[in-house]
Amino acid sequence: MNLQQLIDEVIVVLDDNSSEIVSRIPDWINEAIATAVERAEVPGFGVLKSVDTVVGQAYTSLPSQCSRLLYVGDGDDELTIVTLEELLERYPGMDEEGDVEVVAVDGATLYYQPIPAEVQTLTVLYRRKPAMLVEPDDVPEGIPEMLHRKVIVQGAAAIGFGLIEDGIEEGKKVNTASAMMLYEQGIHELQAWVERRRVHRPRSIWRY
C-alpha cells in the first residue's frame, strides 16, 4: 500500500475522520514504520560511511539519517563505543589529546576521546532510518505488503487510539490495547519474515 491507502485504512480503524486526527496520521504511520524496521532489524538499512574529526573539538556530526551506531574504526582497529556518561567518566575534561580510542553517540553527534591534533578519518557503520512517506504515492520500504495492515496500519492506529482514549482509566483503553496487540503480532511476523530471508551466520554487525 502507498501512503494514501495507508491513511485511508487507519481512518477506517480509528472510525474518526476529523481534521485533527487525519492531519496527524502520516506522522503516526512513519513512526510505526521506523519502530518496526528497528525492532525487527530489517536488513538493507546498514550504511558504511567516513566521518572526520574536528581539530580542537571533541565531537563531530553523524548523518541525520543515522538511527543506531553499530561500528566505528580508525582504518586499522575497531574503536570502543560507550555511552556518553561512560565517556565523561573516563575523560572528565573531554580535552585529552591523541588518536581517537573511545567514542559515544548522542542523537546525531559523535563524541570522541582523545582529540587528534590533526583531522582523523573514522569509518562508521550505522543503521539508517527508513525513508519518510510524504507523497500520496510513496511506498514503505523494508516491510512486505502482506504485513502493512498489521504492522503499519495497526501501529499507527495504536498511537491514534492512545490520543483518543487519553484520560480513560488504564485497563479500559480497549481500542488502544486491541490495536497494540495486533501491532505486536505484526512485529513478531515481521521478525520471522526477516529471519527466513537472512543468511544464517554468527551474529555480526555486518549482517545489517
Protein backbone atom coordinates (compact mmCIF):
# COMPACT_ATOMS: atom_id res chain seq x y z
CA MET A 1 0.00 0.00 0.00
CA ASN A 2 1.06 3.56 -0.60
CA LEU A 3 0.77 6.41 1.88
CA GLN A 4 -2.73 7.46 0.83
CA GLN A 5 -4.03 3.90 1.05
CA LEU A 6 -2.44 3.50 4.48
CA ILE A 7 -4.05 6.75 5.65
CA ASP A 8 -7.44 5.56 4.43
CA GLU A 9 -7.02 2.23 6.25
CA VAL A 10 -6.06 3.95 9.51
CA ILE A 11 -9.11 6.24 9.28
CA VAL A 12 -11.33 3.17 8.95
CA VAL A 13 -9.74 1.53 12.02
CA LEU A 14 -9.98 4.69 14.10
CA ASP A 15 -13.50 5.44 12.84
CA ASP A 16 -12.60 9.10 13.11
CA ASN A 17 -12.12 11.37 10.10
CA SER A 18 -11.88 14.65 11.98
CA SER A 19 -9.25 17.03 10.60
CA GLU A 20 -7.32 16.97 13.87
CA ILE A 21 -6.86 13.21 13.65
CA VAL A 22 -6.40 12.87 9.89
CA SER A 23 -3.69 15.55 9.78
CA ARG A 24 -1.59 13.56 12.25
CA ILE A 25 -1.97 10.12 10.68
CA PRO A 26 1.03 10.44 8.29
CA ASP A 27 3.32 11.11 11.27
CA TRP A 28 1.90 8.07 13.09
CA ILE A 29 2.43 5.93 10.01
CA ASN A 30 6.06 6.99 9.68
CA GLU A 31 6.62 6.39 13.39
CA ALA A 32 5.13 2.89 13.16
CA ILE A 33 7.35 2.07 10.17
CA ALA A 34 10.54 3.35 11.81
CA THR A 35 9.87 1.47 15.03
CA ALA A 36 9.05 -1.78 13.23
CA VAL A 37 12.13 -1.66 10.99
CA GLU A 38 14.37 -1.10 14.01
CA ARG A 39 12.72 -3.70 16.26
CA ALA A 40 12.76 -6.40 13.58
CA GLU A 41 16.27 -5.42 12.47
CA VAL A 42 15.13 -5.47 8.85
CA PRO A 43 18.26 -5.83 6.68
CA GLY A 44 19.16 -3.34 3.98
CA PHE A 45 19.41 -0.33 6.26
CA GLY A 46 23.13 -0.53 7.03
CA VAL A 47 25.27 2.36 5.78
CA LEU A 48 29.08 2.43 5.74
CA LYS A 49 30.47 5.95 5.73
CA SER A 50 33.51 8.05 6.67
CA VAL A 51 33.38 10.97 9.09
CA ASP A 52 36.17 13.35 10.04
CA THR A 53 37.10 14.57 13.49
CA VAL A 54 37.36 18.32 14.07
CA VAL A 55 40.66 19.81 15.27
CA GLY A 56 40.34 21.14 18.82
CA GLN A 57 36.83 19.73 19.20
CA ALA A 58 35.63 16.59 20.99
CA TYR A 59 32.71 15.89 18.69
CA THR A 60 31.60 15.77 15.09
CA SER A 61 28.29 15.25 13.27
CA LEU A 62 26.83 11.99 12.07
CA PRO A 63 24.44 11.87 9.10
CA SER A 64 20.93 12.93 10.15
CA GLN A 65 19.55 9.58 8.94
CA CYS A 66 21.63 7.65 11.50
CA SER A 67 19.30 5.58 13.66
CA ARG A 68 21.78 3.39 15.53
CA LEU A 69 25.58 3.30 15.51
CA LEU A 70 26.98 -0.22 15.01
CA TYR A 71 30.70 0.19 14.42
CA VAL A 72 33.45 2.81 14.47
CA GLY A 73 37.01 2.17 13.27
CA ASP A 74 40.12 4.20 12.56
CA GLY A 75 41.20 2.27 9.47
CA ASP A 76 43.25 -0.22 11.47
CA ASP A 77 41.28 -1.13 14.58
CA GLU A 78 37.73 -1.09 15.88
CA LEU A 79 37.18 1.68 18.43
CA THR A 80 35.31 1.22 21.69
CA ILE A 81 31.72 2.53 21.74
CA VAL A 82 30.41 3.57 25.16
CA THR A 83 27.57 5.71 26.45
CA LEU A 84 28.12 9.44 26.72
CA GLU A 85 28.02 9.13 30.51
CA GLU A 86 30.76 6.50 30.43
CA LEU A 87 32.86 8.66 28.14
CA LEU A 88 32.56 11.58 30.55
CA GLU A 89 33.52 9.32 33.46
CA ARG A 90 36.66 8.19 31.65
CA TYR A 91 37.57 11.66 30.34
CA PRO A 92 36.01 14.26 32.69
CA GLY A 93 37.65 17.19 30.94
CA MET A 94 36.95 15.85 27.42
CA ASP A 95 40.20 17.51 26.39
CA GLU A 96 42.85 14.80 26.20
CA GLU A 97 44.98 14.86 23.06
CA GLY A 98 45.89 11.91 20.86
CA ASP A 99 44.39 9.46 18.41
CA VAL A 100 40.76 8.54 18.98
CA GLU A 101 40.27 5.45 21.15
CA VAL A 102 36.74 5.72 22.55
CA VAL A 103 33.53 7.15 21.09
CA ALA A 104 29.97 7.79 22.19
CA VAL A 105 26.91 8.87 20.27
CA ASP A 106 24.10 11.18 21.34
CA GLY A 107 21.49 11.84 18.70
CA ALA A 108 23.36 12.80 15.52
CA THR A 109 26.55 13.80 17.39
CA LEU A 110 29.61 11.57 17.70
CA TYR A 111 31.78 12.36 20.71
CA TYR A 112 35.34 11.05 20.89
CA GLN A 113 38.41 10.96 23.08
CA PRO A 114 41.26 11.69 22.86
CA ILE A 115 41.16 14.62 20.41
CA PRO A 116 43.55 14.21 17.45
CA ALA A 117 45.97 17.07 16.73
CA GLU A 118 45.10 16.69 13.03
CA VAL A 119 41.89 15.64 11.29
CA GLN A 120 41.38 11.89 11.66
CA THR A 121 39.03 9.99 9.37
CA LEU A 122 36.84 7.41 11.08
CA THR A 123 34.84 4.65 9.42
CA VAL A 124 31.33 4.27 10.79
CA LEU A 125 28.65 1.68 10.17
CA TYR A 126 25.16 2.64 11.22
CA ARG A 127 21.54 1.74 10.63
CA ARG A 128 19.68 4.46 8.81
CA LYS A 129 16.09 5.50 9.34
CA PRO A 130 13.54 4.39 6.73
CA ALA A 131 12.66 6.99 4.12
CA MET A 132 9.77 9.16 5.27
CA LEU A 133 6.47 8.75 3.42
CA VAL A 134 5.46 12.21 2.25
CA GLU A 135 3.72 11.99 -1.10
CA PRO A 136 0.44 10.04 -1.52
CA ASP A 137 2.14 7.51 -3.83
CA ASP A 138 5.14 6.89 -1.52
CA VAL A 139 5.52 3.22 -0.55
CA PRO A 140 7.10 1.94 2.71
CA GLU A 141 10.49 0.27 2.45
CA GLY A 142 11.57 -2.78 4.38
CA ILE A 143 8.10 -4.07 5.28
CA PRO A 144 6.38 -6.59 2.96
CA GLU A 145 2.92 -5.57 1.76
CA MET A 146 1.32 -8.61 3.38
CA LEU A 147 2.21 -7.07 6.76
CA HIS A 148 1.22 -3.48 6.02
CA ARG A 149 -2.10 -3.77 7.84
CA LYS A 150 -0.83 -5.45 10.99
CA VAL A 151 2.43 -3.54 11.30
CA ILE A 152 1.80 -0.11 9.81
CA VAL A 153 -1.96 0.42 9.99
CA GLN A 154 -2.39 -1.08 13.46
CA GLY A 155 0.82 0.57 14.69
CA ALA A 156 -0.44 3.98 13.59
CA ALA A 157 -3.91 3.20 14.95
CA ALA A 158 -2.45 2.28 18.34
CA ILE A 159 -0.83 5.71 18.51
CA GLY A 160 -4.08 7.37 17.44
CA PHE A 161 -6.21 5.44 19.90
CA GLY A 162 -3.73 6.35 22.62
CA LEU A 163 -4.59 10.00 21.93
CA ILE A 164 -8.33 9.44 21.50
CA GLU A 165 -8.58 7.38 24.70
CA ASP A 166 -6.32 9.68 26.69
CA GLY A 167 -7.85 10.20 30.13
CA ILE A 168 -9.55 6.82 30.22
CA GLU A 169 -8.52 4.65 33.14
CA GLU A 170 -5.68 2.25 32.39
CA GLY A 171 -7.00 -1.20 31.65
CA LYS A 172 -10.10 0.25 30.00
CA LYS A 173 -8.44 1.60 26.86
CA VAL A 174 -9.92 -1.23 24.82
CA ASN A 175 -9.21 0.13 21.35
CA THR A 176 -5.62 1.05 22.16
CA ALA A 177 -4.98 -2.39 23.63
CA SER A 178 -6.57 -4.16 20.66
CA ALA A 179 -4.55 -2.19 18.09
CA MET A 180 -1.35 -2.67 20.08
CA MET A 181 -1.95 -6.43 20.29
CA LEU A 182 -2.34 -6.68 16.51
CA TYR A 183 0.71 -4.48 16.03
CA GLU A 184 2.83 -6.70 18.29
CA GLN A 185 1.62 -9.74 16.33
CA GLY A 186 2.70 -7.96 13.18
CA ILE A 187 6.13 -7.22 14.63
CA HIS A 188 6.54 -10.89 15.53
CA GLU A 189 5.58 -11.92 11.99
CA LEU A 190 7.95 -9.32 10.53
CA GLN A 191 10.80 -10.67 12.67
CA ALA A 192 10.01 -14.20 11.45
CA TRP A 193 9.92 -12.94 7.84
CA VAL A 194 13.33 -11.33 8.30
CA GLU A 195 14.84 -14.49 9.81
CA ARG A 196 13.60 -16.64 6.92
CA ARG A 197 15.42 -14.39 4.47
CA ARG A 198 18.62 -13.90 6.41
CA VAL A 199 21.70 -15.99 5.64
CA HIS A 200 22.42 -17.67 8.96
CA ARG A 201 25.87 -16.90 10.32
CA PRO A 202 27.33 -15.98 13.71
CA ARG A 203 25.79 -12.74 14.97
CA SER A 204 27.74 -9.87 13.44
CA ILE A 205 27.37 -6.16 12.74
CA TRP A 206 27.90 -6.91 9.05
CA ARG A 207 24.51 -8.62 8.75
CA TYR A 208 22.76 -5.24 8.53
